[in-house]
C-alpha atoms as a PDB file:
ATOM      1  CA  MET A   1      71.292 183.334 -26.390  1.00  0.00           C
ATOM      2  CA  ARG A   2      69.214 180.291 -26.534  1.00  0.00           C
ATOM      3  CA  THR A   3      72.294 178.182 -27.278  1.00  0.00           C
ATOM      4  CA  LEU A   4      74.376 179.535 -24.464  1.00  0.00           C
ATOM      5  CA  ALA A   5      71.959 178.528 -22.177  1.00  0.00           C
ATOM      6  CA  VAL A   6      71.853 175.064 -23.595  1.00  0.00           C
ATOM      7  CA  VAL A   7      75.577 174.902 -22.805  1.00  0.00           C
ATOM      8  CA  VAL A   8      75.672 176.172 -19.380  1.00  0.00           C
ATOM      9  CA  ALA A   9      72.593 173.516 -18.505  1.00  0.00           C
ATOM     10  CA  LEU A  10      75.018 171.277 -19.480  1.00  0.00           C
ATOM     11  CA  VAL A  11      77.773 171.675 -18.174  1.00  0.00           C
ATOM     12  CA  GLY A  12      75.863 172.726 -15.195  1.00  0.00           C
ATOM     13  CA  LEU A  13      74.616 168.899 -15.059  1.00  0.00           C
ATOM     14  CA  SER A  14      78.456 167.750 -15.353  1.00  0.00           C
ATOM     15  CA  VAL A  15      80.460 169.721 -13.174  1.00  0.00           C
ATOM     16  CA  SER A  16      77.984 171.286 -10.870  1.00  0.00           C
ATOM     17  CA  PRO A  17      79.248 171.343  -7.513  1.00  0.00           C
ATOM     18  CA  GLY A  18      78.576 169.313  -4.357  1.00  0.00           C
ATOM     19  CA  HIS A  19      76.765 166.974  -7.408  1.00  0.00           C
ATOM     20  CA  ALA A  20      78.073 164.176  -8.491  1.00  0.00           C
ATOM     21  CA  ALA A  21      78.879 164.192 -12.035  1.00  0.00           C
ATOM     22  CA  LYS A  22      77.712 162.367 -15.036  1.00  0.00           C
ATOM     23  CA  TYR A  23      80.632 162.186 -17.453  1.00  0.00           C
ATOM     24  CA  PHE A  24      84.028 161.582 -16.825  1.00  0.00           C
ATOM     25  CA  TYR A  25      86.233 161.837 -19.558  1.00  0.00           C
ATOM     26  CA  PRO A  26      90.176 161.551 -18.757  1.00  0.00           C
ATOM     27  CA  ASN A  27      93.411 162.885 -20.412  1.00  0.00           C
ATOM     28  CA  ALA A  28      96.495 161.764 -20.581  1.00  0.00           C
ATOM     29  CA  SER A  29      97.254 164.198 -17.016  1.00  0.00           C
ATOM     30  CA  ASP A  30      94.852 161.834 -15.178  1.00  0.00           C
ATOM     31  CA  PHE A  31      96.987 159.121 -15.226  1.00  0.00           C
ATOM     32  CA  GLN A  32     100.351 159.345 -12.744  1.00  0.00           C
ATOM     33  CA  CYS A  33     102.564 157.562 -11.230  1.00  0.00           C
ATOM     34  CA  LEU A  34     100.503 154.107 -10.058  1.00  0.00           C
ATOM     35  CA  LEU A  35     101.842 153.844  -6.958  1.00  0.00           C
ATOM     36  CA  ASN A  36     100.112 157.179  -5.827  1.00  0.00           C
ATOM     37  CA  GLY A  37      97.282 155.845  -6.128  1.00  0.00           C
ATOM     38  CA  ALA A  38      94.531 154.613  -2.951  1.00  0.00           C
ATOM     39  CA  HIS A  39      95.535 151.006  -2.193  1.00  0.00           C
ATOM     40  CA  THR A  40      94.027 148.289  -0.793  1.00  0.00           C
ATOM     41  CA  GLU A  41      95.543 145.278   1.678  1.00  0.00           C
ATOM     42  CA  GLY A  42      94.783 142.552  -0.559  1.00  0.00           C
ATOM     43  CA  HIS A  43      94.061 143.962  -3.834  1.00  0.00           C
ATOM     44  CA  ASN A  44      96.815 144.733  -7.025  1.00  0.00           C
ATOM     45  CA  VAL A  45      94.218 147.432  -8.667  1.00  0.00           C
ATOM     46  CA  TYR A  46      95.385 151.156  -7.488  1.00  0.00           C
ATOM     47  CA  VAL A  47      92.068 153.465  -7.452  1.00  0.00           C
ATOM     48  CA  PHE A  48      91.813 157.476  -8.632  1.00  0.00           C
ATOM     49  CA  HIS A  49      89.539 159.783  -7.425  1.00  0.00           C
ATOM     50  CA  LYS A  50      90.126 164.041  -7.974  1.00  0.00           C
ATOM     51  CA  ASN A  51      87.035 163.507  -4.994  1.00  0.00           C
ATOM     52  CA  PRO A  52      88.800 162.054  -1.983  1.00  0.00           C
ATOM     53  CA  ARG A  53      84.658 161.345  -0.432  1.00  0.00           C
ATOM     54  CA  LEU A  54      84.541 159.294  -3.506  1.00  0.00           C
ATOM     55  CA  GLN A  55      88.159 157.825  -3.898  1.00  0.00           C
ATOM     56  CA  LYS A  56      87.157 156.293  -0.608  1.00  0.00           C
ATOM     57  CA  ARG A  57      83.454 155.019  -1.558  1.00  0.00           C
ATOM     58  CA  ALA A  58      85.450 153.149  -4.914  1.00  0.00           C
ATOM     59  CA  LEU A  59      87.801 151.331  -1.709  1.00  0.00           C
ATOM     60  CA  LYS A  60      85.207 150.491  -0.177  1.00  0.00           C
ATOM     61  CA  ILE A  61      83.503 148.976  -2.905  1.00  0.00           C
ATOM     62  CA  LEU A  62      86.413 147.133  -4.052  1.00  0.00           C
ATOM     63  CA  ALA A  63      87.562 146.083  -0.480  1.00  0.00           C
ATOM     64  CA  SER A  64      83.913 144.453   0.033  1.00  0.00           C
ATOM     65  CA  GLN A  65      83.754 142.477  -2.720  1.00  0.00           C
ATOM     66  CA  LYS A  66      80.054 142.702  -2.543  1.00  0.00           C
ATOM     67  CA  PRO A  67      78.054 142.252  -6.204  1.00  0.00           C
ATOM     68  CA  ASN A  68      75.769 144.614  -7.704  1.00  0.00           C
ATOM     69  CA  LYS A  69      77.906 147.737  -6.013  1.00  0.00           C
ATOM     70  CA  HIS A  70      78.328 150.447  -9.002  1.00  0.00           C
ATOM     71  CA  TYR A  71      82.131 152.293  -8.656  1.00  0.00           C
ATOM     72  CA  PRO A  72      81.275 156.462  -8.621  1.00  0.00           C
ATOM     73  CA  ILE A  73      81.990 158.298 -12.191  1.00  0.00           C
ATOM     74  CA  GLY A  74      85.371 159.194 -12.728  1.00  0.00           C
ATOM     75  CA  THR A  75      86.809 156.343 -10.397  1.00  0.00           C
ATOM     76  CA  ILE A  76      90.213 155.025 -12.177  1.00  0.00           C
ATOM     77  CA  LEU A  77      90.991 151.600 -11.408  1.00  0.00           C
ATOM     78  CA  GLN A  78      95.094 150.670 -12.524  1.00  0.00           C
ATOM     79  CA  LEU A  79      96.649 147.093 -12.577  1.00  0.00           C
ATOM     80  CA  PHE A  80      99.557 148.083 -14.628  1.00  0.00           C
ATOM     81  CA  PRO A  81     100.999 151.715 -15.435  1.00  0.00           C
ATOM     82  CA  PHE A  82     100.462 151.096 -19.249  1.00  0.00           C
ATOM     83  CA  GLU A  83      96.404 150.608 -19.032  1.00  0.00           C
ATOM     84  CA  ALA A  84      93.339 151.487 -17.111  1.00  0.00           C
ATOM     85  CA  THR A  85      89.916 151.181 -16.507  1.00  0.00           C
ATOM     86  CA  VAL A  86      87.790 154.168 -16.128  1.00  0.00           C
ATOM     87  CA  LYS A  87      84.311 155.053 -15.003  1.00  0.00           C
ATOM     88  CA  VAL A  88      82.468 157.609 -17.997  1.00  0.00           C
ATOM     89  CA  GLY A  89      79.283 157.050 -17.134  1.00  0.00           C
ATOM     90  CA  LYS A  90      76.610 154.452 -18.797  1.00  0.00           C
ATOM     91  CA  ARG A  91      75.589 156.196 -21.429  1.00  0.00           C
ATOM     92  CA  PHE A  92      79.209 155.736 -23.113  1.00  0.00           C
ATOM     93  CA  ASN A  93      79.436 152.249 -22.724  1.00  0.00           C
ATOM     94  CA  PRO A  94      76.510 150.285 -21.455  1.00  0.00           C
ATOM     95  CA  GLU A  95      77.350 146.878 -22.692  1.00  0.00           C
ATOM     96  CA  ALA A  96      80.143 147.466 -19.622  1.00  0.00           C
ATOM     97  CA  ASP A  97      78.168 149.526 -17.452  1.00  0.00           C
ATOM     98  CA  GLY A  98      79.851 152.692 -18.581  1.00  0.00           C
ATOM     99  CA  TRP A  99      83.578 151.935 -18.316  1.00  0.00           C
ATOM    100  CA  MET A 100      86.046 153.076 -20.533  1.00  0.00           C
ATOM    101  CA  PHE A 101      89.084 151.533 -21.365  1.00  0.00           C
ATOM    102  CA  CYS A 102      92.270 153.237 -22.179  1.00  0.00           C
ATOM    103  CA  THR A 103      96.173 151.973 -22.886  1.00  0.00           C
ATOM    104  CA  PHE A 104      99.027 154.635 -22.904  1.00  0.00           C
ATOM    105  CA  THR A 105     103.042 154.390 -22.398  1.00  0.00           C
ATOM    106  CA  PRO A 106     103.564 156.295 -19.279  1.00  0.00           C
ATOM    107  CA  THR A 107     107.111 157.878 -19.515  1.00  0.00           C
ATOM    108  CA  LYS A 108     109.361 159.205 -16.947  1.00  0.00           C
ATOM    109  CA  ASP A 109     107.844 162.737 -18.049  1.00  0.00           C
ATOM    110  CA  GLY A 110     104.141 161.491 -18.237  1.00  0.00           C
ATOM    111  CA  THR A 111     101.428 159.609 -20.060  1.00  0.00           C
ATOM    112  CA  THR A 112     101.878 159.475 -23.609  1.00  0.00           C
ATOM    113  CA  ASN A 113     100.009 157.767 -26.579  1.00  0.00           C
ATOM    114  CA  LEU A 114      96.582 157.612 -24.975  1.00  0.00           C
ATOM    115  CA  HIS A 115      94.221 155.211 -26.354  1.00  0.00           C
ATOM    116  CA  CYS A 116      90.492 154.891 -24.484  1.00  0.00           C
ATOM    117  CA  GLY A 117      87.322 153.538 -25.562  1.00  0.00           C
ATOM    118  CA  LYS A 118      85.130 149.914 -25.474  1.00  0.00           C
ATOM    119  CA  SER A 119      85.838 146.683 -26.808  1.00  0.00           C
ATOM    120  CA  GLU A 120      88.443 147.899 -29.604  1.00  0.00           C
ATOM    121  CA  ILE A 121      90.698 148.165 -26.323  1.00  0.00           C
ATOM    122  CA  VAL A 122      92.976 145.251 -26.049  1.00  0.00           C
ATOM    123  CA  ASN A 123      95.170 144.232 -23.025  1.00  0.00           C
ATOM    124  CA  ALA A 124      99.133 144.403 -24.335  1.00  0.00           C
ATOM    125  CA  LEU A 125      99.217 141.263 -22.585  1.00  0.00           C
ATOM    126  CA  ASN A 126      97.208 138.730 -23.637  1.00  0.00           C
ATOM    127  CA  HIS A 127      95.987 140.680 -26.618  1.00  0.00           C
ATOM    128  CA  VAL A 128      92.222 140.079 -25.466  1.00  0.00           C
ATOM    129  CA  SER A 129      89.458 142.866 -25.230  1.00  0.00           C
ATOM    130  CA  CYS A 130      90.005 144.640 -22.318  1.00  0.00           C
ATOM    131  CA  GLN A 131      85.748 144.591 -22.010  1.00  0.00           C
ATOM    132  CA  GLY A 132      85.895 141.149 -23.048  1.00  0.00           C
ATOM    133  CA  CYS A 133      87.262 139.682 -20.437  1.00  0.00           C
ATOM    134  CA  HIS A 134      85.840 141.996 -17.840  1.00  0.00           C
ATOM    135  CA  GLY A 135      82.469 141.269 -19.210  1.00  0.00           C
ATOM    136  CA  ALA A 136      82.478 138.318 -16.773  1.00  0.00           C
ATOM    137  CA  ALA A 137      82.742 140.123 -13.760  1.00  0.00           C
ATOM    138  CA  ALA A 138      79.495 141.877 -15.311  1.00  0.00           C
ATOM    139  CA  LYS A 139      77.510 141.764 -11.216  1.00  0.00           C
ATOM    140  CA  PHE A 140      81.143 143.195 -10.160  1.00  0.00           C
ATOM    141  CA  ASP A 141      80.584 146.439 -12.149  1.00  0.00           C
ATOM    142  CA  PHE A 142      83.106 145.108 -14.378  1.00  0.00           C
ATOM    143  CA  VAL A 143      86.347 144.950 -12.470  1.00  0.00           C
ATOM    144  CA  CYS A 144      88.382 141.526 -12.339  1.00  0.00           C
ATOM    145  CA  ASP A 145      90.215 141.672  -9.238  1.00  0.00           C
ATOM    146  CA  ASN A 146      89.332 138.811  -7.803  1.00  0.00           C
ATOM    147  CA  PRO A 147      89.637 135.129  -9.345  1.00  0.00           C
ATOM    148  CA  GLU A 148      86.117 134.307  -8.340  1.00  0.00           C
ATOM    149  CA  HIS A 149      84.866 137.100 -10.688  1.00  0.00           C
ATOM    150  CA  ALA A 150      85.293 134.416 -13.692  1.00  0.00           C
ATOM    151  CA  CYS A 151      87.595 136.756 -15.689  1.00  0.00           C
ATOM    152  CA  GLY A 152      90.541 135.618 -17.813  1.00  0.00           C
ATOM    153  CA  SER A 153      94.027 134.839 -16.823  1.00  0.00           C
ATOM    154  CA  LEU A 154      96.881 137.714 -17.657  1.00  0.00           C
ATOM    155  CA  GLY A 155      99.647 134.839 -17.562  1.00  0.00           C
ATOM    156  CA  VAL A 156     101.153 136.921 -15.197  1.00  0.00           C
ATOM    157  CA  SER A 157     102.810 135.958 -11.515  1.00  0.00           C
ATOM    158  CA  GLN A 158     102.227 138.214  -8.597  1.00  0.00           C
ATOM    159  CA  THR A 159     106.194 139.259  -8.839  1.00  0.00           C
ATOM    160  CA  ILE A 160     105.503 140.076 -12.256  1.00  0.00           C
ATOM    161  CA  ILE A 161     102.226 142.581 -11.296  1.00  0.00           C
ATOM    162  CA  GLU A 162     104.285 144.178  -8.773  1.00  0.00           C
ATOM    163  CA  THR A 163     107.681 144.324 -10.686  1.00  0.00           C
ATOM    164  CA  LEU A 164     105.870 146.218 -13.065  1.00  0.00           C
ATOM    165  CA  GLN A 165     103.711 148.778 -10.974  1.00  0.00           C
ATOM    166  CA  HIS A 166     106.988 149.327  -9.031  1.00  0.00           C
ATOM    167  CA  GLY A 167     108.568 149.902 -12.181  1.00  0.00           C
ATOM    168  CA  ASP A 168     106.210 152.619 -13.253  1.00  0.00           C
ATOM    169  CA  PRO A 169     108.833 154.967 -14.922  1.00  0.00           C
ATOM    170  CA  ARG A 170     106.192 158.609 -13.606  1.00  0.00           C
ATOM    171  CA  CYS A 171     107.355 157.792 -10.471  1.00  0.00           C
ATOM    172  CA  ALA A 172     110.686 158.228 -10.518  1.00  0.00           C
ATOM    173  CA  GLN A 173     110.299 162.019 -10.545  1.00  0.00           C
ATOM    174  CA  GLN A 174     108.861 161.526  -7.313  1.00  0.00           C
ATOM    175  CA  PRO A 175     111.090 163.244  -3.985  1.00  0.00           C
END
């Protein structure tokens, strides 16, 4: 009975209705057509959150570009269809303020080959640790969507970014 009470308490802490979750661990189905995410004018990143109120908050943080603002747990930020950053919760990765870095393969049938972690996850374009580059933007909650955040360059043009975004094969199933 005691074990059941502990499990109920832990589940209640993580997913209580009306309360912010303490952790969010993504699965492949959480990564959908990139273009279905919310987008803020002047930014390349697409924002996902299962809670519309928290998605709106994440968009506001992205648009403001103010330092020392923290994205809500459960926020997924994607620049490319094959990788994302996910706000899991501080205890998961305190060195990156709770962000998880994920790479995967987008296909017309969904997302496959999901690999998520911390500093061991590398960017597919420059083969550098995602966490290593994002560390330069620590005062912007590790989000590299502005040259002023001092993150390393991915070495691709705006045209290539947009071509990759609009080439997301998961979007092919869209009506």
